[in-house]
């Protein structure tokens, strides 16, 4: 299944569960890193690209650093997929991985 198809499925499920997809919402894109320096460098880069970011240590042996990059978006598969790919490429530059997305309440 392609990223676009995955995102279409998630959006469909959200709509079926009552989420309002007709208005822009803050979308949280999650990323994981092996060390604080990589997580912080990614966060700095994402901030310069217009995202709000949160860096936090988590209790995990591998990938113990999480970074959430958030942005207001119209909730379309095109928008979410494009941003997810943009951030994935940025995270990989610093040794990180994309770990999904979700909506703020």
N, C-alpha and C. Protein backbone atom coordinates (compact mmCIF):
# COMPACT_ATOMS: atom_id res chain seq x y z
N UNK A 1 0.84 -1.17 0.00
CA UNK A 1 0.00 0.00 0.00
C UNK A 1 0.89 1.24 0.00
N UNK A 2 0.57 2.19 -0.84
CA UNK A 2 1.36 3.41 -0.93
C UNK A 2 1.08 4.32 0.27
N UNK A 3 1.97 5.27 0.49
CA UNK A 3 1.79 6.23 1.57
C UNK A 3 0.48 6.99 1.38
N UNK A 4 0.19 7.39 0.15
CA UNK A 4 -1.04 8.11 -0.16
C UNK A 4 -2.25 7.26 0.23
N UNK A 5 -2.23 5.97 -0.15
CA UNK A 5 -3.34 5.08 0.17
C UNK A 5 -3.48 4.88 1.68
N UNK A 6 -2.35 4.75 2.37
CA UNK A 6 -2.38 4.62 3.84
C UNK A 6 -3.03 5.85 4.46
N UNK A 7 -2.63 7.03 4.00
CA UNK A 7 -3.18 8.26 4.55
C UNK A 7 -4.66 8.42 4.22
N UNK A 8 -5.06 7.99 3.02
CA UNK A 8 -6.48 8.03 2.65
C UNK A 8 -7.28 7.13 3.59
N UNK A 9 -6.74 5.97 3.90
CA UNK A 9 -7.41 5.04 4.80
C UNK A 9 -7.54 5.62 6.21
N UNK A 10 -6.47 6.25 6.70
CA UNK A 10 -6.51 6.86 8.04
C UNK A 10 -7.53 8.00 8.07
N UNK A 11 -7.53 8.85 7.06
CA UNK A 11 -8.48 9.96 7.02
C UNK A 11 -9.92 9.45 6.96
N UNK A 12 -10.14 8.41 6.19
CA UNK A 12 -11.48 7.82 6.10
C UNK A 12 -11.92 7.30 7.46
N UNK A 13 -11.02 6.61 8.15
CA UNK A 13 -11.34 6.07 9.47
C UNK A 13 -11.62 7.20 10.48
N UNK A 14 -10.81 8.26 10.42
CA UNK A 14 -11.04 9.41 11.30
C UNK A 14 -12.42 10.01 11.06
N UNK A 15 -12.79 10.17 9.78
CA UNK A 15 -14.09 10.74 9.44
C UNK A 15 -15.22 9.83 9.94
N UNK A 16 -15.04 8.52 9.76
CA UNK A 16 -16.06 7.57 10.23
C UNK A 16 -16.21 7.60 11.74
N UNK A 17 -15.14 7.98 12.44
CA UNK A 17 -15.18 8.07 13.90
C UNK A 17 -15.60 9.45 14.39
N UNK A 18 -16.03 10.32 13.47
CA UNK A 18 -16.58 11.61 13.84
C UNK A 18 -15.65 12.80 13.80
N UNK A 19 -14.43 12.63 13.34
CA UNK A 19 -13.50 13.76 13.25
C UNK A 19 -13.96 14.72 12.15
N UNK A 20 -13.87 16.01 12.43
CA UNK A 20 -14.21 17.04 11.45
C UNK A 20 -13.00 17.29 10.56
N UNK A 21 -13.07 16.81 9.32
CA UNK A 21 -11.95 16.97 8.38
C UNK A 21 -12.15 18.15 7.44
N UNK A 22 -13.21 18.94 7.66
CA UNK A 22 -13.53 20.03 6.74
C UNK A 22 -12.76 21.31 7.03
N UNK A 23 -12.09 21.36 8.16
CA UNK A 23 -11.36 22.59 8.52
C UNK A 23 -9.89 22.25 8.76
N UNK A 24 -9.01 23.23 8.59
CA UNK A 24 -7.59 22.98 8.88
C UNK A 24 -7.41 22.55 10.33
N UNK A 25 -6.48 21.64 10.54
CA UNK A 25 -6.20 21.13 11.89
C UNK A 25 -4.70 21.06 12.08
N UNK A 26 -4.27 21.04 13.31
CA UNK A 26 -2.86 20.85 13.62
C UNK A 26 -2.56 19.36 13.50
N UNK A 27 -1.61 19.04 12.62
CA UNK A 27 -1.21 17.65 12.40
C UNK A 27 0.16 17.46 13.04
N UNK A 28 0.28 16.43 13.87
CA UNK A 28 1.53 16.10 14.55
C UNK A 28 2.23 14.96 13.81
N UNK A 29 3.40 15.24 13.29
CA UNK A 29 4.21 14.24 12.60
C UNK A 29 5.30 13.78 13.56
N UNK A 30 5.33 12.48 13.84
CA UNK A 30 6.24 11.92 14.84
C UNK A 30 7.50 11.37 14.19
N UNK A 31 8.63 11.56 14.88
CA UNK A 31 9.93 11.08 14.40
C UNK A 31 10.74 10.54 15.57
N UNK A 32 11.56 9.54 15.30
CA UNK A 32 12.37 8.93 16.35
C UNK A 32 13.85 9.02 15.98
N UNK A 33 14.68 9.17 17.03
CA UNK A 33 16.12 9.35 16.84
C UNK A 33 16.88 8.55 17.89
N UNK A 34 18.12 8.22 17.54
CA UNK A 34 18.97 7.43 18.43
C UNK A 34 19.68 8.28 19.49
N UNK A 35 19.82 9.60 19.23
CA UNK A 35 20.52 10.44 20.20
C UNK A 35 19.95 11.85 20.21
N UNK A 36 20.22 12.54 21.29
CA UNK A 36 19.68 13.88 21.49
C UNK A 36 20.19 14.88 20.45
N UNK A 37 21.46 14.79 20.08
CA UNK A 37 22.02 15.74 19.12
C UNK A 37 21.30 15.65 17.78
N UNK A 38 21.05 14.45 17.30
CA UNK A 38 20.33 14.27 16.03
C UNK A 38 18.90 14.78 16.14
N UNK A 39 18.26 14.46 17.25
CA UNK A 39 16.88 14.91 17.46
C UNK A 39 16.81 16.43 17.47
N UNK A 40 17.74 17.07 18.15
CA UNK A 40 17.73 18.53 18.25
C UNK A 40 18.05 19.19 16.92
N UNK A 41 18.98 18.61 16.16
CA UNK A 41 19.32 19.18 14.85
C UNK A 41 18.13 19.09 13.91
N UNK A 42 17.44 17.94 13.92
CA UNK A 42 16.21 17.81 13.13
C UNK A 42 15.18 18.84 13.58
N UNK A 43 15.00 18.98 14.88
CA UNK A 43 14.01 19.93 15.41
C UNK A 43 14.34 21.35 14.96
N UNK A 44 15.60 21.73 15.00
CA UNK A 44 16.00 23.06 14.56
C UNK A 44 15.69 23.27 13.08
N UNK A 45 15.96 22.25 12.27
CA UNK A 45 15.69 22.33 10.84
C UNK A 45 14.19 22.42 10.57
N UNK A 46 13.41 21.62 11.28
CA UNK A 46 11.96 21.65 11.11
C UNK A 46 11.38 23.00 11.55
N UNK A 47 11.93 23.58 12.60
CA UNK A 47 11.49 24.90 13.04
C UNK A 47 11.74 25.94 11.96
N UNK A 48 12.91 25.90 11.35
CA UNK A 48 13.22 26.83 10.25
C UNK A 48 12.29 26.63 9.06
N UNK A 49 11.76 25.41 8.90
CA UNK A 49 10.85 25.12 7.80
C UNK A 49 9.40 25.46 8.15
N UNK A 50 9.17 26.05 9.33
CA UNK A 50 7.83 26.51 9.68
C UNK A 50 7.01 25.59 10.56
N UNK A 51 7.63 24.58 11.15
CA UNK A 51 6.92 23.66 12.03
C UNK A 51 7.11 24.06 13.48
N UNK A 52 6.11 23.77 14.30
CA UNK A 52 6.27 23.82 15.76
C UNK A 52 6.83 22.47 16.16
N UNK A 53 7.80 22.46 17.06
CA UNK A 53 8.43 21.18 17.41
C UNK A 53 8.48 20.96 18.91
N UNK A 54 8.51 19.70 19.27
CA UNK A 54 8.70 19.28 20.66
C UNK A 54 9.68 18.12 20.65
N UNK A 55 10.74 18.23 21.44
CA UNK A 55 11.75 17.17 21.57
C UNK A 55 11.62 16.58 22.97
N UNK A 56 11.62 15.26 23.06
CA UNK A 56 11.54 14.64 24.38
C UNK A 56 12.24 13.29 24.40
N UNK A 57 12.84 13.00 25.54
CA UNK A 57 13.43 11.68 25.78
C UNK A 57 12.31 10.75 26.21
N UNK A 58 12.39 9.50 25.74
CA UNK A 58 11.38 8.50 26.09
C UNK A 58 12.09 7.25 26.62
N UNK A 59 11.36 6.43 27.31
CA UNK A 59 11.94 5.21 27.88
C UNK A 59 11.86 4.09 26.85
N UNK A 60 12.86 4.08 25.97
CA UNK A 60 12.98 3.07 24.93
C UNK A 60 14.47 2.81 24.76
N UNK A 61 14.87 1.56 24.65
CA UNK A 61 16.29 1.25 24.49
C UNK A 61 16.83 1.77 23.17
N UNK A 62 16.13 1.43 22.09
CA UNK A 62 16.53 1.95 20.78
C UNK A 62 15.65 3.15 20.47
N UNK A 63 16.19 4.10 19.77
CA UNK A 63 15.43 5.29 19.37
C UNK A 63 14.82 5.99 20.58
N UNK A 64 15.63 6.39 21.57
CA UNK A 64 15.09 6.96 22.81
C UNK A 64 14.72 8.45 22.74
N UNK A 65 14.74 9.03 21.55
CA UNK A 65 14.37 10.45 21.41
C UNK A 65 13.24 10.59 20.41
N UNK A 66 12.19 11.30 20.82
CA UNK A 66 11.04 11.59 19.96
C UNK A 66 11.03 13.07 19.63
N UNK A 67 10.68 13.36 18.39
CA UNK A 67 10.45 14.75 17.98
C UNK A 67 9.10 14.81 17.27
N UNK A 68 8.24 15.69 17.75
CA UNK A 68 6.96 15.94 17.10
C UNK A 68 7.08 17.25 16.35
N UNK A 69 6.79 17.21 15.05
CA UNK A 69 6.77 18.42 14.22
C UNK A 69 5.31 18.65 13.82
N UNK A 70 4.78 19.81 14.18
CA UNK A 70 3.35 20.08 13.98
C UNK A 70 3.15 21.26 13.05
N UNK A 71 2.03 21.17 12.30
CA UNK A 71 1.70 22.26 11.37
C UNK A 71 0.20 22.22 11.09
N UNK A 72 -0.40 23.40 10.93
CA UNK A 72 -1.80 23.50 10.52
C UNK A 72 -1.90 23.12 9.05
N UNK A 73 -2.80 22.20 8.74
CA UNK A 73 -2.97 21.75 7.36
C UNK A 73 -4.44 21.55 7.03
N UNK A 74 -4.80 21.76 5.76
CA UNK A 74 -6.06 21.25 5.26
C UNK A 74 -5.89 19.75 5.19
N UNK A 75 -6.86 19.00 5.68
CA UNK A 75 -6.70 17.55 5.83
C UNK A 75 -7.04 16.82 4.53
N UNK A 76 -6.07 16.83 3.62
CA UNK A 76 -6.19 16.06 2.38
C UNK A 76 -5.04 15.07 2.33
N UNK A 77 -5.24 14.00 1.59
CA UNK A 77 -4.17 13.01 1.42
C UNK A 77 -2.95 13.65 0.79
N UNK A 78 -3.18 14.55 -0.16
CA UNK A 78 -2.08 15.21 -0.83
C UNK A 78 -1.23 16.01 0.16
N UNK A 79 -1.88 16.82 0.98
CA UNK A 79 -1.15 17.66 1.94
C UNK A 79 -0.39 16.82 2.96
N UNK A 80 -1.08 15.87 3.56
CA UNK A 80 -0.45 15.07 4.61
C UNK A 80 0.69 14.24 4.03
N UNK A 81 0.48 13.64 2.88
CA UNK A 81 1.53 12.81 2.27
C UNK A 81 2.75 13.65 1.89
N UNK A 82 2.52 14.84 1.33
CA UNK A 82 3.64 15.71 0.93
C UNK A 82 4.46 16.12 2.15
N UNK A 83 3.80 16.53 3.22
CA UNK A 83 4.52 16.95 4.42
C UNK A 83 5.21 15.76 5.06
N UNK A 84 4.54 14.61 5.10
CA UNK A 84 5.15 13.42 5.69
C UNK A 84 6.44 13.05 4.95
N UNK A 85 6.41 13.12 3.62
CA UNK A 85 7.61 12.80 2.83
C UNK A 85 8.71 13.84 3.04
N UNK A 86 8.33 15.11 3.13
CA UNK A 86 9.31 16.19 3.38
C UNK A 86 10.03 15.95 4.71
N UNK A 87 9.25 15.70 5.76
CA UNK A 87 9.84 15.50 7.08
C UNK A 87 10.61 14.19 7.18
N UNK A 88 10.13 13.17 6.51
CA UNK A 88 10.84 11.88 6.50
C UNK A 88 12.24 12.06 5.93
N UNK A 89 12.34 12.77 4.81
CA UNK A 89 13.65 13.02 4.19
C UNK A 89 14.54 13.83 5.13
N UNK A 90 13.97 14.83 5.80
CA UNK A 90 14.76 15.63 6.75
C UNK A 90 15.24 14.76 7.90
N UNK A 91 14.35 13.93 8.46
CA UNK A 91 14.72 13.07 9.59
C UNK A 91 15.82 12.10 9.20
N UNK A 92 15.70 11.51 8.02
CA UNK A 92 16.71 10.54 7.56
C UNK A 92 18.08 11.20 7.40
N UNK A 93 18.10 12.48 7.04
CA UNK A 93 19.36 13.22 6.93
C UNK A 93 20.12 13.20 8.25
N UNK A 94 19.38 13.19 9.36
CA UNK A 94 19.99 13.22 10.69
C UNK A 94 19.92 11.86 11.40
N UNK A 95 19.72 10.79 10.62
CA UNK A 95 19.71 9.44 11.18
C UNK A 95 18.43 9.05 11.86
N UNK A 96 17.36 9.79 11.63
CA UNK A 96 16.07 9.49 12.26
C UNK A 96 15.12 8.76 11.34
N UNK A 97 13.98 8.42 11.88
CA UNK A 97 12.92 7.75 11.13
C UNK A 97 11.58 8.43 11.40
N UNK A 98 10.72 8.41 10.39
CA UNK A 98 9.35 8.86 10.56
C UNK A 98 8.60 7.79 11.35
N UNK A 99 7.67 8.24 12.22
CA UNK A 99 6.94 7.29 13.06
C UNK A 99 5.44 7.59 13.07
N UNK A 100 4.92 8.10 11.94
CA UNK A 100 3.49 8.31 11.81
C UNK A 100 3.05 9.73 12.11
N UNK A 101 1.73 9.92 12.07
CA UNK A 101 1.16 11.24 12.33
C UNK A 101 -0.19 11.08 13.02
N UNK A 102 -0.64 12.17 13.60
CA UNK A 102 -1.95 12.20 14.24
C UNK A 102 -2.45 13.63 14.33
N UNK A 103 -3.70 13.77 14.74
CA UNK A 103 -4.31 15.09 14.86
C UNK A 103 -4.34 15.52 16.32
N UNK A 104 -4.16 16.83 16.52
CA UNK A 104 -4.37 17.37 17.86
C UNK A 104 -5.85 17.45 18.10
N UNK A 105 -6.25 17.28 19.34
CA UNK A 105 -7.69 17.36 19.68
C UNK A 105 -8.21 18.75 19.49
